[in-house]
PDB file of N, CA and C in Angstrom:
ATOM      1  N   MET A   1       6.448  -3.078   2.011  1.00  0.00           N
ATOM      2  CA  MET A   1       5.865  -2.226   3.104  1.00  0.00           C
ATOM      3  C   MET A   1       7.821  -2.405   4.381  1.00  0.00           C
ATOM      4  N   THR A   2       7.803  -1.235   5.273  1.00  0.00           N
ATOM      5  CA  THR A   2       9.444  -1.261   5.906  1.00  0.00           C
ATOM      6  C   THR A   2       8.617  -1.785   7.454  1.00  0.00           C
ATOM      7  N   LEU A   3       9.601  -1.804   8.555  1.00  0.00           N
ATOM      8  CA  LEU A   3       9.308  -2.019   9.417  1.00  0.00           C
ATOM      9  C   LEU A   3       8.674  -1.693  10.294  1.00  0.00           C
ATOM     10  N   ILE A   4       9.819   0.417  10.026  1.00  0.00           N
ATOM     11  CA  ILE A   4       9.623   0.690  10.450  1.00  0.00           C
ATOM     12  C   ILE A   4       7.062   1.858  10.156  1.00  0.00           C
ATOM     13  N   GLU A   5       7.215   1.483   9.189  1.00  0.00           N
ATOM     14  CA  GLU A   5       6.052   1.511   8.576  1.00  0.00           C
ATOM     15  C   GLU A   5       4.823   0.373   8.157  1.00  0.00           C
ATOM     16  N   ARG A   6       4.889  -0.746   8.988  1.00  0.00           N
ATOM     17  CA  ARG A   6       3.771  -1.519  10.190  1.00  0.00           C
ATOM     18  C   ARG A   6       4.144  -0.482  10.954  1.00  0.00           C
ATOM     19  N   LEU A   7       5.686  -0.302  12.504  1.00  0.00           N
ATOM     20  CA  LEU A   7       4.685  -0.432  13.235  1.00  0.00           C
ATOM     21  C   LEU A   7       3.959   0.691  13.351  1.00  0.00           C
ATOM     22  N   GLU A   8       4.305   1.553  12.308  1.00  0.00           N
ATOM     23  CA  GLU A   8       3.556   3.476  12.733  1.00  0.00           C
ATOM     24  C   GLU A   8       1.744   2.141  12.718  1.00  0.00           C
ATOM     25  N   LYS A   9       1.427   1.901  11.113  1.00  0.00           N
ATOM     26  CA  LYS A   9       0.442   1.001  11.825  1.00  0.00           C
ATOM     27  C   LYS A   9      -0.356   0.320  12.906  1.00  0.00           C
ATOM     28  N   GLU A  10       0.450   0.335  14.279  1.00  0.00           N
ATOM     29  CA  GLU A  10      -0.059   0.026  14.950  1.00  0.00           C
ATOM     30  C   GLU A  10      -0.560  -0.009  15.745  1.00  0.00           C
ATOM     31  N   THR A  11      -2.043  -0.053  16.561  1.00  0.00           N
ATOM     32  CA  THR A  11      -2.989   1.262  17.068  1.00  0.00           C
ATOM     33  C   THR A  11      -2.575   1.495  18.397  1.00  0.00           C
ATOM     34  N   GLY A  12      -2.459  -0.418  19.591  1.00  0.00           N
ATOM     35  CA  GLY A  12      -1.955  -0.536  20.573  1.00  0.00           C
ATOM     36  C   GLY A  12      -1.000  -0.468  20.757  1.00  0.00           C
ATOM     37  N   ALA A  13      -0.611  -1.170  21.892  1.00  0.00           N
ATOM     38  CA  ALA A  13       1.184  -1.938  23.184  1.00  0.00           C
ATOM     39  C   ALA A  13       1.147  -2.773  22.360  1.00  0.00           C
ATOM     40  N   LEU A  14       2.060  -3.050  21.805  1.00  0.00           N
ATOM     41  CA  LEU A  14       3.066  -4.330  21.898  1.00  0.00           C
ATOM     42  C   LEU A  14       3.329  -5.203  23.031  1.00  0.00           C
ATOM     43  N   ARG A  15       3.246  -6.403  22.686  1.00  0.00           N
ATOM     44  CA  ARG A  15       4.353  -7.343  23.504  1.00  0.00           C
ATOM     45  C   ARG A  15       5.985  -7.635  23.823  1.00  0.00           C
ATOM     46  N   ALA A  16       5.802  -8.390  24.341  1.00  0.00           N
ATOM     47  CA  ALA A  16       7.826  -8.646  23.994  1.00  0.00           C
ATOM     48  C   ALA A  16       7.295 -10.202  22.715  1.00  0.00           C
ATOM     49  N   ARG A  17       6.560 -10.834  22.436  1.00  0.00           N
ATOM     50  CA  ARG A  17       6.941 -11.608  21.947  1.00  0.00           C
ATOM     51  C   ARG A  17       6.315 -10.673  20.745  1.00  0.00           C
ATOM     52  N   ASP A  18       5.149  -9.829  21.115  1.00  0.00           N
ATOM     53  CA  ASP A  18       5.049  -9.068  19.125  1.00  0.00           C
ATOM     54  C   ASP A  18       6.367  -8.211  18.675  1.00  0.00           C
ATOM     55  N   VAL A  19       6.752  -7.629  19.690  1.00  0.00           N
ATOM     56  CA  VAL A  19       8.016  -7.345  19.235  1.00  0.00           C
ATOM     57  C   VAL A  19       8.790  -8.145  18.522  1.00  0.00           C
ATOM     58  N   ALA A  20       9.180  -9.071  19.548  1.00  0.00           N
ATOM     59  CA  ALA A  20      11.198 -10.065  18.899  1.00  0.00           C
ATOM     60  C   ALA A  20      10.353 -10.765  17.505  1.00  0.00           C
ATOM     61  N   ARG A  21       8.955 -11.002  17.447  1.00  0.00           N
ATOM     62  CA  ARG A  21       8.468 -10.828  15.757  1.00  0.00           C
ATOM     63  C   ARG A  21       8.809 -10.918  14.462  1.00  0.00           C
ATOM     64  N   LEU A  22       8.316  -9.010  15.066  1.00  0.00           N
ATOM     65  CA  LEU A  22       8.504  -8.293  14.015  1.00  0.00           C
ATOM     66  C   LEU A  22      10.472  -7.710  13.791  1.00  0.00           C
ATOM     67  N   LEU A  23      11.241  -7.203  14.791  1.00  0.00           N
ATOM     68  CA  LEU A  23      12.409  -7.945  15.420  1.00  0.00           C
ATOM     69  C   LEU A  23      13.548  -9.359  14.570  1.00  0.00           C
ATOM     70  N   GLN A  24      12.667 -10.524  14.581  1.00  0.00           N
ATOM     71  CA  GLN A  24      13.169 -12.098  14.159  1.00  0.00           C
ATOM     72  C   GLN A  24      14.019 -12.461  15.253  1.00  0.00           C
ATOM     73  N   VAL A  25      14.012 -11.949  16.809  1.00  0.00           N
ATOM     74  CA  VAL A  25      14.912 -12.172  17.730  1.00  0.00           C
ATOM     75  C   VAL A  25      13.586 -13.014  18.890  1.00  0.00           C
ATOM     76  N   THR A  26      13.946 -13.602  20.117  1.00  0.00           N
ATOM     77  CA  THR A  26      13.771 -13.993  20.567  1.00  0.00           C
ATOM     78  C   THR A  26      12.624 -13.126  21.923  1.00  0.00           C
ATOM     79  N   HIS A  27      11.687 -13.498  22.418  1.00  0.00           N
ATOM     80  CA  HIS A  27      11.147 -12.930  23.444  1.00  0.00           C
ATOM     81  C   HIS A  27      12.065 -12.587  24.052  1.00  0.00           C
ATOM     82  N   GLN A  28      12.488 -13.021  25.087  1.00  0.00           N
ATOM     83  CA  GLN A  28      13.602 -13.221  26.373  1.00  0.00           C
ATOM     84  C   GLN A  28      14.847 -12.381  25.777  1.00  0.00           C
ATOM     85  N   HIS A  29      15.548 -12.285  24.580  1.00  0.00           N
ATOM     86  CA  HIS A  29      16.200 -10.740  24.509  1.00  0.00           C
ATOM     87  C   HIS A  29      16.030  -9.753  24.219  1.00  0.00           C
ATOM     88  N   ILE A  30      14.331  -9.023  24.120  1.00  0.00           N
ATOM     89  CA  ILE A  30      12.924  -8.477  24.243  1.00  0.00           C
ATOM     90  C   ILE A  30      12.856  -7.742  25.408  1.00  0.00           C
ATOM     91  N   TYR A  31      13.383  -8.589  26.313  1.00  0.00           N
ATOM     92  CA  TYR A  31      12.696  -8.536  27.719  1.00  0.00           C
ATOM     93  C   TYR A  31      14.243  -7.928  28.299  1.00  0.00           C
ATOM     94  N   LYS A  32      14.900  -8.517  28.296  1.00  0.00           N
ATOM     95  CA  LYS A  32      16.742  -8.188  28.798  1.00  0.00           C
ATOM     96  C   LYS A  32      16.674  -6.737  28.299  1.00  0.00           C
ATOM     97  N   MET A  33      17.427  -6.030  26.500  1.00  0.00           N
ATOM     98  CA  MET A  33      16.557  -4.220  25.910  1.00  0.00           C
ATOM     99  C   MET A  33      16.253  -4.318  26.929  1.00  0.00           C
ATOM    100  N   ALA A  34      14.792  -4.204  27.358  1.00  0.00           N
ATOM    101  CA  ALA A  34      13.571  -3.184  26.978  1.00  0.00           C
ATOM    102  C   ALA A  34      13.897  -3.181  29.096  1.00  0.00           C
ATOM    103  N   ALA A  35      14.685  -3.858  30.145  1.00  0.00           N
ATOM    104  CA  ALA A  35      15.559  -4.451  31.298  1.00  0.00           C
ATOM    105  C   ALA A  35      16.203  -3.556  31.453  1.00  0.00           C
ATOM    106  N   ALA A  36      17.351  -3.461  30.837  1.00  0.00           N
ATOM    107  CA  ALA A  36      18.337  -2.785  30.761  1.00  0.00           C
ATOM    108  C   ALA A  36      18.731  -1.146  29.870  1.00  0.00           C
ATOM    109  N   GLY A  37      17.864  -0.774  30.018  1.00  0.00           N
ATOM    110  CA  GLY A  37      16.609   0.665  28.628  1.00  0.00           C
ATOM    111  C   GLY A  37      17.189   0.914  28.029  1.00  0.00           C
ATOM    112  N   ALA A  38      17.669  -0.012  27.083  1.00  0.00           N
ATOM    113  CA  ALA A  38      18.444   0.047  25.386  1.00  0.00           C
ATOM    114  C   ALA A  38      17.311   0.505  24.206  1.00  0.00           C
ATOM    115  N   MET A  39      16.098   0.059  24.665  1.00  0.00           N
ATOM    116  CA  MET A  39      14.906  -0.762  24.108  1.00  0.00           C
ATOM    117  C   MET A  39      13.504   0.621  25.178  1.00  0.00           C
ATOM    118  N   PRO A  40      12.771   1.267  23.608  1.00  0.00           N
ATOM    119  CA  PRO A  40      12.104   1.973  25.095  1.00  0.00           C
ATOM    120  C   PRO A  40      10.819   1.287  25.656  1.00  0.00           C
ATOM    121  N   SER A  41      10.288   0.953  26.816  1.00  0.00           N
ATOM    122  CA  SER A  41       9.317   0.381  26.722  1.00  0.00           C
ATOM    123  C   SER A  41       8.780   0.802  28.476  1.00  0.00           C
ATOM    124  N   PHE A  42       7.268   0.253  28.609  1.00  0.00           N
ATOM    125  CA  PHE A  42       6.294   0.749  30.033  1.00  0.00           C
ATOM    126  C   PHE A  42       5.696  -0.151  30.495  1.00  0.00           C
ATOM    127  N   ARG A  43       5.595  -0.245  31.690  1.00  0.00           N
ATOM    128  CA  ARG A  43       4.758  -1.004  32.430  1.00  0.00           C
ATOM    129  C   ARG A  43       3.659  -1.305  32.718  1.00  0.00           C
ATOM    130  N   VAL A  44       2.605  -1.715  32.142  1.00  0.00           N
ATOM    131  CA  VAL A  44       1.180  -1.982  32.866  1.00  0.00           C
ATOM    132  C   VAL A  44       0.775  -2.857  33.110  1.00  0.00           C
ATOM    133  N   ALA A  45       1.215  -2.646  35.122  1.00  0.00           N
ATOM    134  CA  ALA A  45       0.503  -3.286  36.018  1.00  0.00           C
ATOM    135  C   ALA A  45       1.363  -5.179  35.792  1.00  0.00           C
ATOM    136  N   GLY A  46       3.394  -4.481  35.469  1.00  0.00           N
ATOM    137  CA  GLY A  46       3.671  -5.199  36.044  1.00  0.00           C
ATOM    138  C   GLY A  46       4.644  -6.552  34.800  1.00  0.00           C
ATOM    139  N   ALA A  47       3.369  -5.739  33.705  1.00  0.00           N
ATOM    140  CA  ALA A  47       3.831  -6.451  32.152  1.00  0.00           C
ATOM    141  C   ALA A  47       4.618  -5.623  31.891  1.00  0.00           C
ATOM    142  N   ILE A  48       5.895  -5.987  30.929  1.00  0.00           N
ATOM    143  CA  ILE A  48       6.215  -4.519  29.943  1.00  0.00           C
ATOM    144  C   ILE A  48       4.944  -4.452  28.435  1.00  0.00           C
ATOM    145  N   ARG A  49       5.422  -3.414  28.055  1.00  0.00           N
ATOM    146  CA  ARG A  49       4.481  -3.523  26.928  1.00  0.00           C
ATOM    147  C   ARG A  49       5.617  -1.958  26.255  1.00  0.00           C
ATOM    148  N   PHE A  50       5.422  -2.290  25.225  1.00  0.00           N
ATOM    149  CA  PHE A  50       5.926  -1.766  24.218  1.00  0.00           C
ATOM    150  C   PHE A  50       5.353  -0.331  23.206  1.00  0.00           C
ATOM    151  N   ASP A  51       5.675   0.636  22.895  1.00  0.00           N
ATOM    152  CA  ASP A  51       4.564   1.592  22.795  1.00  0.00           C
ATOM    153  C   ASP A  51       4.443   2.235  20.571  1.00  0.00           C
ATOM    154  N   PRO A  52       4.213   1.260  19.425  1.00  0.00           N
ATOM    155  CA  PRO A  52       4.405   1.406  18.474  1.00  0.00           C
ATOM    156  C   PRO A  52       5.816   2.307  17.639  1.00  0.00           C
ATOM    157  N   HIS A  53       5.031   4.127  17.822  1.00  0.00           N
ATOM    158  CA  HIS A  53       5.030   4.149  17.901  1.00  0.00           C
ATOM    159  C   HIS A  53       7.102   5.219  17.734  1.00  0.00           C
ATOM    160  N   GLU A  54       6.791   4.645  19.638  1.00  0.00           N
ATOM    161  CA  GLU A  54       8.158   4.944  20.323  1.00  0.00           C
ATOM    162  C   GLU A  54       9.401   3.305  20.007  1.00  0.00           C
ATOM    163  N   LEU A  55       8.434   2.703  19.434  1.00  0.00           N
ATOM    164  CA  LEU A  55       9.661   1.236  18.719  1.00  0.00           C
ATOM    165  C   LEU A  55      10.117   2.501  17.420  1.00  0.00           C
ATOM    166  N   ALA A  56       9.337   2.627  16.723  1.00  0.00           N
ATOM    167  CA  ALA A  56       8.951   3.167  14.825  1.00  0.00           C
ATOM    168  C   ALA A  56      10.486   4.094  15.248  1.00  0.00           C
ATOM    169  N   ASN A  57      10.326   5.222  16.005  1.00  0.00           N
ATOM    170  CA  ASN A  57      11.554   6.545  16.423  1.00  0.00           C
ATOM    171  C   ASN A  57      12.405   5.364  17.144  1.00  0.00           C
ATOM    172  N   TRP A  58      12.993   5.146  17.356  1.00  0.00           N
ATOM    173  CA  TRP A  58      14.190   4.238  18.059  1.00  0.00           C
ATOM    174  C   TRP A  58      13.640   3.532  16.855  1.00  0.00           C
ATOM    175  N   LEU A  59      14.130   3.028  15.826  1.00  0.00           N
ATOM    176  CA  LEU A  59      14.443   2.165  14.521  1.00  0.00           C
ATOM    177  C   LEU A  59      14.961   3.458  13.680  1.00  0.00           C
ATOM    178  N   ARG A  60      14.404   4.654  13.644  1.00  0.00           N
ATOM    179  CA  ARG A  60      15.044   5.448  13.141  1.00  0.00           C
ATOM    180  C   ARG A  60      16.370   6.286  13.811  1.00  0.00           C
ATOM    181  N   ARG A  61      16.406   6.320  15.172  1.00  0.00           N
ATOM    182  CA  ARG A  61      17.179   6.686  14.861  1.00  0.00           C
ATOM    183  C   ARG A  61      18.649   5.662  15.020  1.00  0.00           C
ATOM    184  N   ALA A  62      17.815   4.599  15.431  1.00  0.00           N
ATOM    185  CA  ALA A  62      19.289   3.484  15.463  1.00  0.00           C
ATOM    186  C   ALA A  62      19.752   3.406  13.878  1.00  0.00           C
ATOM    187  N   GLN A  63      19.510   3.647  13.011  1.00  0.00           N
ATOM    188  CA  GLN A  63      19.618   3.263  11.102  1.00  0.00           C
ATOM    189  C   GLN A  63      20.760   3.965  10.831  1.00  0.00           C
ATOM    190  N   PRO A  64      21.861   3.458  11.399  1.00  0.00           N
ATOM    191  CA  PRO A  64      22.949   4.469  10.237  1.00  0.00           C
ATOM    192  C   PRO A  64      23.096   5.258   9.219  1.00  0.00           C
ATOM    193  N   ALA A  65      23.416   7.033   9.149  1.00  0.00           N
ATOM    194  CA  ALA A  65      23.122   6.949   8.697  1.00  0.00           C
ATOM    195  C   ALA A  65      24.155   6.826   6.417  1.00  0.00           C
ATOM    196  N   CYS A  66      22.153   6.805   5.930  1.00  0.00           N
ATOM    197  CA  CYS A  66      22.505   7.272   4.002  1.00  0.00           C
ATOM    198  C   CYS A  66      23.518   7.509   3.662  1.00  0.00           C
ATOM    199  N   TYR A  67      24.900   6.727   3.381  1.00  0.00           N
ATOM    200  CA  TYR A  67      25.712   7.945   2.009  1.00  0.00           C
ATOM    201  C   TYR A  67      25.713   7.017  -0.193  1.00  0.00           C
ATOM    202  N   GLY A  68      25.910   8.147   0.160  1.00  0.00           N
ATOM    203  CA  GLY A  68      25.564   7.575  -1.289  1.00  0.00           C
ATOM    204  C   GLY A  68      26.889   7.209  -1.742  1.00  0.00           C
ATOM    205  N   PRO A  69      26.671   6.671  -3.211  1.00  0.00           N
ATOM    206  CA  PRO A  69      27.988   6.131  -4.010  1.00  0.00           C
ATOM    207  C   PRO A  69      29.286   7.107  -4.100  1.00  0.00           C
ATOM    208  N   ALA A  70      30.246   5.495  -3.256  1.00  0.00           N
ATOM    209  CA  ALA A  70      31.491   6.609  -2.935  1.00  0.00           C
ATOM    210  C   ALA A  70      31.980   7.181  -3.919  1.00  0.00           C
ATOM    211  N   GLN A  71      32.750   8.707  -3.696  1.00  0.00           N
ATOM    212  CA  GLN A  71      33.412   9.626  -5.329  1.00  0.00           C
ATOM    213  C   GLN A  71      34.542   9.099  -5.573  1.00  0.00           C
ATOM    214  N   PRO A  72      35.061   9.426  -7.514  1.00  0.00           N
ATOM    215  CA  PRO A  72      36.285   9.034  -7.566  1.00  0.00           C
ATOM    216  C   PRO A  72      36.993   9.206  -6.965  1.00  0.00           C
ATOM    217  N   SER A  73      37.062  10.271  -6.422  1.00  0.00           N
ATOM    218  CA  SER A  73      38.520  10.696  -5.388  1.00  0.00           C
ATOM    219  C   SER A  73      38.344   9.916  -4.567  1.00  0.00           C
ATOM    220  N   GLU A  74      37.648  10.179  -3.710  1.00  0.00           N
ATOM    221  CA  GLU A  74      37.534   9.204  -2.385  1.00  0.00           C
ATOM    222  C   GLU A  74      37.804   7.800  -1.946  1.00  0.00           C
ATOM    223  N   LEU A  75      38.531   7.239  -3.604  1.00  0.00           N
ATOM    224  CA  LEU A  75      38.859   6.169  -3.633  1.00  0.00           C
ATOM    225  C   LEU A  75      39.939   5.713  -3.978  1.00  0.00           C
ATOM    226  N   ARG A  76      40.721   7.318  -4.399  1.00  0.00           N
ATOM    227  CA  ARG A  76      42.476   7.334  -3.963  1.00  0.00           C
ATOM    228  C   ARG A  76      43.155   6.271  -2.831  1.00  0.00           C
ATOM    229  N   ARG A  77      44.316   5.779  -2.373  1.00  0.00           N
ATOM    230  CA  ARG A  77      45.241   5.640  -1.678  1.00  0.00           C
ATOM    231  C   ARG A  77      45.608   7.229  -2.211  1.00  0.00           C
ATOM    232  N   SER A  78      46.303   7.238  -0.593  1.00  0.00           N
ATOM    233  CA  SER A  78      46.324   8.725  -0.663  1.00  0.00           C
ATOM    234  C   SER A  78      47.918   7.529  -0.732  1.00  0.00           C
ATOM    235  N   ALA A  79      49.466   9.191  -0.858  1.00  0.00           N
ATOM    236  CA  ALA A  79      51.020   8.277  -0.385  1.00  0.00           C
ATOM    237  C   ALA A  79      51.257   7.956   0.307  1.00  0.00           C
TER     238      ALA A  79
END
């Protein structure tokens, strides 16, 4: 199961520690990203929470475009 699929199965808001565990980073890093607006988050009575579906969409947008295998003509050097 992919990370995005795991997030989409979640039904409630996630805490910073939950997100940190999923992304394998520290919870401090998650707090910094949320404070900088680099990661979607919201506040509930001063506590930072994360909507798992918003995080799944954020991850989708962050993934680089998938490219197929290079064509032989693309591997030639130009003279």
